[in-house]
Amino acid sequence: MEKVELIEKEDVKKYKFLDAYKEDVNFETEKLNGAVRLGNEFKSKAYITFQTEKGPKKIETTVWSVTDKFLQIKNGVLIPLDSLINVQY
């Protein structure tokens, strides 16, 4: 995997999401639920890495919710689960 650039969460909308390469994906669904709980109950942030047309990007943010297709962050921004590479907290 190429080098991951840390960007501001407010800049996420500037990127086109691509599906992550399956060999790069490094998280389990439970990790997403943990990130939601961390944000909602403890107001703590997680690092979310996702694939874009300009390569992998990483943000530090509070995860508000997760559906079967998207992860939601502040201001209603949705990140497709298929683009996720890693979730760290």
C-alpha atoms as a PDB file:
ATOM      1  CA  MET A   1       0.000   0.000   0.000  1.00  0.00           C
ATOM      2  CA  GLU A   2       1.197   3.500  -0.785  1.00  0.00           C
ATOM      3  CA  LYS A   3       1.866   6.189   1.816  1.00  0.00           C
ATOM      4  CA  VAL A   4      -1.271   7.468   3.540  1.00  0.00           C
ATOM      5  CA  GLU A   5      -1.857  11.230   3.693  1.00  0.00           C
ATOM      6  CA  LEU A   6      -3.517  12.656   6.812  1.00  0.00           C
ATOM      7  CA  ILE A   7      -6.154  15.198   5.763  1.00  0.00           C
ATOM      8  CA  GLU A   8      -8.639  17.400   7.619  1.00  0.00           C
ATOM      9  CA  LYS A   9     -12.055  15.777   8.083  1.00  0.00           C
ATOM     10  CA  GLU A  10     -13.626  18.878   6.516  1.00  0.00           C
ATOM     11  CA  ASP A  11     -11.784  18.024   3.273  1.00  0.00           C
ATOM     12  CA  VAL A  12     -13.301  14.544   2.884  1.00  0.00           C
ATOM     13  CA  LYS A  13     -16.008  15.892   0.558  1.00  0.00           C
ATOM     14  CA  LYS A  14     -13.314  16.975  -1.922  1.00  0.00           C
ATOM     15  CA  TYR A  15     -12.392  13.368  -2.755  1.00  0.00           C
ATOM     16  CA  LYS A  16     -14.027  10.681  -4.874  1.00  0.00           C
ATOM     17  CA  PHE A  17     -14.158   7.378  -2.994  1.00  0.00           C
ATOM     18  CA  LEU A  18     -12.959   4.157  -4.570  1.00  0.00           C
ATOM     19  CA  ASP A  19     -13.357   0.620  -3.283  1.00  0.00           C
ATOM     20  CA  ALA A  20     -10.385  -0.342  -1.118  1.00  0.00           C
ATOM     21  CA  TYR A  21      -8.091  -3.063  -2.386  1.00  0.00           C
ATOM     22  CA  LYS A  22      -9.135  -6.125  -0.401  1.00  0.00           C
ATOM     23  CA  GLU A  23      -5.525  -7.002   0.447  1.00  0.00           C
ATOM     24  CA  ASP A  24      -5.152  -3.564   2.100  1.00  0.00           C
ATOM     25  CA  VAL A  25      -8.280  -3.805   4.283  1.00  0.00           C
ATOM     26  CA  ASN A  26      -7.256  -4.205   7.925  1.00  0.00           C
ATOM     27  CA  PHE A  27     -10.259  -4.003  10.262  1.00  0.00           C
ATOM     28  CA  GLU A  28     -13.252  -5.979  11.456  1.00  0.00           C
ATOM     29  CA  THR A  29     -16.876  -4.829  11.658  1.00  0.00           C
ATOM     30  CA  GLU A  30     -16.648  -4.828  15.471  1.00  0.00           C
ATOM     31  CA  LYS A  31     -13.998  -2.114  15.139  1.00  0.00           C
ATOM     32  CA  LEU A  32     -16.562   0.157  13.427  1.00  0.00           C
ATOM     33  CA  ASN A  33     -19.068  -0.376  16.214  1.00  0.00           C
ATOM     34  CA  GLY A  34     -16.333   0.360  18.760  1.00  0.00           C
ATOM     35  CA  ALA A  35     -15.515   3.620  16.971  1.00  0.00           C
ATOM     36  CA  VAL A  36     -19.195   4.667  17.108  1.00  0.00           C
ATOM     37  CA  ARG A  37     -19.388   3.866  20.819  1.00  0.00           C
ATOM     38  CA  LEU A  38     -16.132   5.727  21.450  1.00  0.00           C
ATOM     39  CA  GLY A  39     -17.502   8.825  19.720  1.00  0.00           C
ATOM     40  CA  ASN A  40     -21.007   8.768  21.171  1.00  0.00           C
ATOM     41  CA  GLU A  41     -20.258   7.751  24.747  1.00  0.00           C
ATOM     42  CA  PHE A  42     -16.755   9.082  25.329  1.00  0.00           C
ATOM     43  CA  LYS A  43     -16.486  11.897  22.728  1.00  0.00           C
ATOM     44  CA  SER A  44     -13.221  10.363  21.571  1.00  0.00           C
ATOM     45  CA  LYS A  45     -11.903  10.249  18.029  1.00  0.00           C
ATOM     46  CA  ALA A  46     -10.741   7.460  15.754  1.00  0.00           C
ATOM     47  CA  TYR A  47      -8.410   7.384  12.766  1.00  0.00           C
ATOM     48  CA  ILE A  48     -10.252   6.335   9.617  1.00  0.00           C
ATOM     49  CA  THR A  49      -8.250   5.380   6.512  1.00  0.00           C
ATOM     50  CA  PHE A  50     -10.064   5.120   3.176  1.00  0.00           C
ATOM     51  CA  GLN A  51      -9.296   4.789  -0.531  1.00  0.00           C
ATOM     52  CA  THR A  52      -9.801   7.708  -2.911  1.00  0.00           C
ATOM     53  CA  GLU A  53      -8.950   8.357  -6.546  1.00  0.00           C
ATOM     54  CA  LYS A  54      -5.931  10.273  -5.228  1.00  0.00           C
ATOM     55  CA  GLY A  55      -4.714   7.368  -3.098  1.00  0.00           C
ATOM     56  CA  PRO A  56      -5.397   6.407   0.514  1.00  0.00           C
ATOM     57  CA  LYS A  57      -6.328   9.223   2.923  1.00  0.00           C
ATOM     58  CA  LYS A  58      -6.632   9.266   6.714  1.00  0.00           C
ATOM     59  CA  ILE A  59      -8.699  11.484   8.996  1.00  0.00           C
ATOM     60  CA  GLU A  60      -9.010  11.840  12.756  1.00  0.00           C
ATOM     61  CA  THR A  61     -12.690  12.196  13.589  1.00  0.00           C
ATOM     62  CA  THR A  62     -15.626  11.219  15.730  1.00  0.00           C
ATOM     63  CA  VAL A  63     -17.668   8.439  14.122  1.00  0.00           C
ATOM     64  CA  TRP A  64     -21.345   9.250  14.524  1.00  0.00           C
ATOM     65  CA  SER A  65     -22.961   6.142  13.095  1.00  0.00           C
ATOM     66  CA  VAL A  66     -22.522   3.116  10.845  1.00  0.00           C
ATOM     67  CA  THR A  67     -25.080   1.599   8.472  1.00  0.00           C
ATOM     68  CA  ASP A  68     -24.727  -1.459   6.272  1.00  0.00           C
ATOM     69  CA  LYS A  69     -23.129   0.703   3.550  1.00  0.00           C
ATOM     70  CA  PHE A  70     -21.728   3.877   5.138  1.00  0.00           C
ATOM     71  CA  LEU A  71     -19.830   5.342   8.071  1.00  0.00           C
ATOM     72  CA  GLN A  72     -21.128   8.802   9.064  1.00  0.00           C
ATOM     73  CA  ILE A  73     -18.962  11.561  10.472  1.00  0.00           C
ATOM     74  CA  LYS A  74     -19.665  15.205  11.384  1.00  0.00           C
ATOM     75  CA  ASN A  75     -21.883  17.353   9.136  1.00  0.00           C
ATOM     76  CA  GLY A  76     -23.607  14.321   7.625  1.00  0.00           C
ATOM     77  CA  VAL A  77     -20.530  13.272   5.643  1.00  0.00           C
ATOM     78  CA  LEU A  78     -20.805   9.639   4.556  1.00  0.00           C
ATOM     79  CA  ILE A  79     -17.826   7.411   3.774  1.00  0.00           C
ATOM     80  CA  PRO A  80     -18.667   4.185   1.909  1.00  0.00           C
ATOM     81  CA  LEU A  81     -17.695   1.084   3.889  1.00  0.00           C
ATOM     82  CA  ASP A  82     -16.292  -0.425   0.676  1.00  0.00           C
ATOM     83  CA  SER A  83     -13.649   2.337   0.625  1.00  0.00           C
ATOM     84  CA  LEU A  84     -12.465   1.760   4.222  1.00  0.00           C
ATOM     85  CA  ILE A  85      -8.945   0.440   4.699  1.00  0.00           C
ATOM     86  CA  ASN A  86      -8.435   0.772   8.448  1.00  0.00           C
ATOM     87  CA  VAL A  87     -10.052   1.982  11.669  1.00  0.00           C
ATOM     88  CA  GLN A  88      -7.789   2.775  14.639  1.00  0.00           C
ATOM     89  CA  TYR A  89      -8.457   4.083  18.132  1.00  0.00           C
END
